[in-house]
Amino acid sequence: MNNSMNPFGFTLYGQPATKKNSSTIVRDHAALLPSKAYRKYEKQCREAINLLRYKMRLPHFSGPVRMQVHYYLESAAHWPDLVGLEQATADILSDEYKVIDHKKQLVCPWLLSDDRIIKNWDGSCISGIDKDNPRTEIIIIPLATSLDDELDPFIKKQLAAKAQGELFGGRDV
């Protein structure tokens, strides 16, 4: 197994939160926005990931991965659903894009090129309550694949670009 296939693990501290979109009035019209708890959690997580960038060179994953995530909640109050937590985690870790001049453009690369590269969530669970240290423990495991074996057209495109050395200056896994 080559070095690029090694798992990457880290911990994000703070109360895990789901997006739980809710209708909110924004500038005189209703809009669907993620919950206030999620927005706080997302900001906290992204700040922690940025701090990690200062300490080490973070991998960027564009090929298929397996995620294993363990969530430790502050309390049993407002118990979230696991799928909602997984979706929130995937969104936080995925690259950020904006439409500029009618074109989708990368604004900030995070850890995953897109949440659709997550092929499975085996082993992910709400692991328990930790009142003093709520957190999300994340392991990203790259999965071996080839252009011939891959079915997802998006991942095939990512693999082809990676083979051409076009993704993130060679730091892509």
Protein backbone atom coordinates (compact mmCIF):
# COMPACT_ATOMS: atom_id res chain seq x y z
CA MET A 1 0.00 0.00 0.00
CA ASN A 2 1.45 3.39 -0.95
CA ASN A 3 1.54 6.36 1.40
CA SER A 4 -1.37 8.12 -0.33
CA MET A 5 -3.69 5.32 0.79
CA ASN A 6 -3.11 5.92 4.51
CA PRO A 7 -6.10 6.91 6.64
CA PHE A 8 -6.23 10.47 7.93
CA GLY A 9 -7.77 11.07 11.34
CA PHE A 10 -8.51 14.16 13.40
CA THR A 11 -10.95 15.49 15.99
CA LEU A 12 -13.26 18.49 15.80
CA TYR A 13 -14.30 19.79 19.22
CA GLY A 14 -17.71 21.21 20.06
CA GLN A 15 -21.30 20.01 20.12
CA PRO A 16 -22.05 18.21 16.82
CA ALA A 17 -25.08 19.69 15.05
CA THR A 18 -27.28 18.87 12.08
CA LYS A 19 -28.29 21.46 9.49
CA LYS A 20 -32.05 21.17 10.18
CA ASN A 21 -32.96 23.83 7.64
CA SER A 22 -35.56 26.25 8.89
CA SER A 23 -37.45 29.05 7.25
CA THR A 24 -35.92 32.38 8.20
CA ILE A 25 -36.71 35.93 7.12
CA VAL A 26 -33.73 37.42 5.32
CA ARG A 27 -33.97 40.92 3.82
CA ASP A 28 -37.77 40.93 3.67
CA HIS A 29 -38.21 37.43 2.19
CA ALA A 30 -38.27 33.89 3.49
CA ALA A 31 -35.21 31.73 2.85
CA LEU A 32 -34.15 28.25 3.95
CA LEU A 33 -31.07 28.53 6.12
CA PRO A 34 -29.22 25.96 8.20
CA SER A 35 -30.00 26.03 11.91
CA LYS A 36 -28.22 28.55 14.12
CA ALA A 37 -26.58 25.66 16.02
CA TYR A 38 -25.25 24.23 12.74
CA ARG A 39 -23.88 27.60 11.55
CA LYS A 40 -22.02 27.97 14.86
CA TYR A 41 -20.71 24.39 14.64
CA GLU A 42 -19.64 24.82 11.00
CA LYS A 43 -17.73 28.02 11.80
CA GLN A 44 -16.04 26.37 14.77
CA CYS A 45 -15.06 23.30 12.70
CA ARG A 46 -13.72 25.32 9.77
CA GLU A 47 -11.62 27.43 12.16
CA ALA A 48 -10.21 24.22 13.67
CA ILE A 49 -9.40 22.84 10.20
CA ASN A 50 -7.65 26.11 9.32
CA LEU A 51 -5.57 25.80 12.51
CA LEU A 52 -4.63 22.26 11.46
CA ARG A 53 -3.41 23.70 8.13
CA TYR A 54 -0.89 25.82 10.03
CA LYS A 55 0.41 22.78 11.90
CA MET A 56 0.56 20.32 9.01
CA ARG A 57 -0.05 19.83 5.33
CA LEU A 58 -3.62 18.57 5.11
CA PRO A 59 -4.47 15.98 2.49
CA HIS A 60 -7.15 16.71 -0.08
CA PHE A 61 -9.24 13.74 -1.21
CA SER A 62 -10.72 13.59 -4.72
CA GLY A 63 -11.06 9.82 -5.10
CA PRO A 64 -13.50 7.55 -3.30
CA VAL A 65 -13.24 7.44 0.48
CA ARG A 66 -14.75 5.65 3.43
CA MET A 67 -15.67 7.82 6.41
CA GLN A 68 -15.74 6.58 9.95
CA VAL A 69 -17.07 9.21 12.33
CA HIS A 70 -17.76 8.95 16.05
CA TYR A 71 -19.95 11.65 17.57
CA TYR A 72 -19.83 12.48 21.29
CA LEU A 73 -22.70 14.72 22.35
CA GLU A 74 -22.87 17.15 25.25
CA SER A 75 -26.15 15.66 26.51
CA ALA A 76 -29.13 13.54 25.49
CA ALA A 77 -31.28 16.66 25.02
CA HIS A 78 -32.21 17.40 21.40
CA TRP A 79 -30.86 14.02 20.26
CA PRO A 80 -29.91 14.29 16.54
CA ASP A 81 -30.35 11.66 13.86
CA LEU A 82 -27.12 10.02 12.66
CA VAL A 83 -27.80 10.68 8.97
CA GLY A 84 -28.22 14.40 9.69
CA LEU A 85 -24.89 14.46 11.55
CA GLU A 86 -23.17 12.62 8.70
CA GLN A 87 -24.59 15.07 6.14
CA ALA A 88 -23.43 18.04 8.22
CA THR A 89 -19.93 16.52 8.55
CA ALA A 90 -19.76 15.84 4.80
CA ASP A 91 -20.78 19.42 4.01
CA ILE A 92 -18.24 20.91 6.41
CA LEU A 93 -15.39 18.83 4.99
CA SER A 94 -16.30 19.39 1.30
CA ASP A 95 -14.81 22.07 -0.92
CA GLU A 96 -16.69 25.35 -1.01
CA TYR A 97 -17.90 26.72 -4.36
CA LYS A 98 -19.73 29.87 -5.43
CA VAL A 99 -21.26 30.85 -8.73
CA ILE A 100 -19.28 33.77 -10.11
CA ASP A 101 -20.13 35.17 -13.56
CA HIS A 102 -22.47 32.19 -14.11
CA LYS A 103 -19.65 29.68 -13.48
CA LYS A 104 -19.11 27.43 -10.49
CA GLN A 105 -15.74 28.40 -9.00
CA LEU A 106 -13.77 26.97 -6.12
CA VAL A 107 -13.69 29.41 -3.21
CA CYS A 108 -11.98 27.25 -0.58
CA PRO A 109 -10.63 23.70 -0.76
CA TRP A 110 -11.32 21.79 2.44
CA LEU A 111 -10.60 18.05 2.77
CA LEU A 112 -13.01 16.46 0.29
CA SER A 113 -13.47 17.57 -3.33
CA ASP A 114 -17.19 16.80 -2.96
CA ASP A 115 -19.34 14.86 -0.52
CA ARG A 116 -20.30 12.42 -3.27
CA ILE A 117 -16.82 10.83 -3.10
CA ILE A 118 -17.89 9.28 0.23
CA LYS A 119 -18.66 5.68 -0.71
CA ASN A 120 -19.58 4.43 2.75
CA TRP A 121 -19.92 5.42 6.38
CA ASP A 122 -19.18 2.00 7.95
CA GLY A 123 -18.55 2.24 11.67
CA SER A 124 -19.99 5.74 12.04
CA CYS A 125 -22.17 6.20 15.10
CA ILE A 126 -23.25 8.40 17.96
CA SER A 127 -20.75 6.95 20.42
CA GLY A 128 -21.92 8.55 23.61
CA ILE A 129 -22.30 11.53 25.87
CA ASP A 130 -19.31 13.57 27.01
CA LYS A 131 -20.59 16.64 28.85
CA ASP A 132 -17.12 18.15 29.25
CA ASN A 133 -15.73 17.33 25.81
CA PRO A 134 -18.34 17.01 23.04
CA ARG A 135 -16.59 16.22 19.77
CA THR A 136 -16.51 14.58 16.37
CA GLU A 137 -13.73 12.06 15.75
CA ILE A 138 -13.17 11.60 12.01
CA ILE A 139 -11.17 9.06 10.04
CA ILE A 140 -11.02 9.42 6.24
CA ILE A 141 -9.88 6.24 4.52
CA PRO A 142 -9.01 6.45 0.81
CA LEU A 143 -10.36 3.55 -1.22
CA ALA A 144 -8.40 1.94 -4.03
CA THR A 145 -10.01 2.38 -7.43
CA SER A 146 -9.13 2.84 -11.08
CA LEU A 147 -10.73 4.56 -14.05
CA ASP A 148 -11.80 1.13 -15.33
CA ASP A 149 -13.46 0.07 -12.04
CA GLU A 150 -15.11 3.34 -11.00
CA LEU A 151 -18.79 3.82 -11.88
CA ASP A 152 -19.37 7.41 -10.71
CA PRO A 153 -18.66 9.85 -13.62
CA PHE A 154 -17.66 12.61 -11.17
CA ILE A 155 -15.03 10.43 -9.50
CA LYS A 156 -13.81 9.21 -12.93
CA LYS A 157 -13.26 12.86 -13.90
CA GLN A 158 -11.41 13.48 -10.61
CA LEU A 159 -9.19 10.42 -11.16
CA ALA A 160 -8.36 11.53 -14.71
CA ALA A 161 -7.46 15.05 -13.50
CA LYS A 162 -5.34 13.56 -10.71
CA ALA A 163 -3.50 11.40 -13.24
CA GLN A 164 -2.77 14.59 -15.21
CA GLY A 165 -1.49 16.31 -12.04
CA GLU A 166 -4.17 18.99 -12.27
CA LEU A 167 -5.54 18.84 -8.73
CA PHE A 168 -4.13 21.02 -5.94
CA GLY A 169 -0.46 20.89 -6.90
CA GLY A 170 0.02 17.19 -6.19
CA ARG A 171 -1.28 17.15 -2.59
CA ASP A 172 -4.43 15.41 -3.65
CA VAL A 173 -5.06 11.87 -2.38
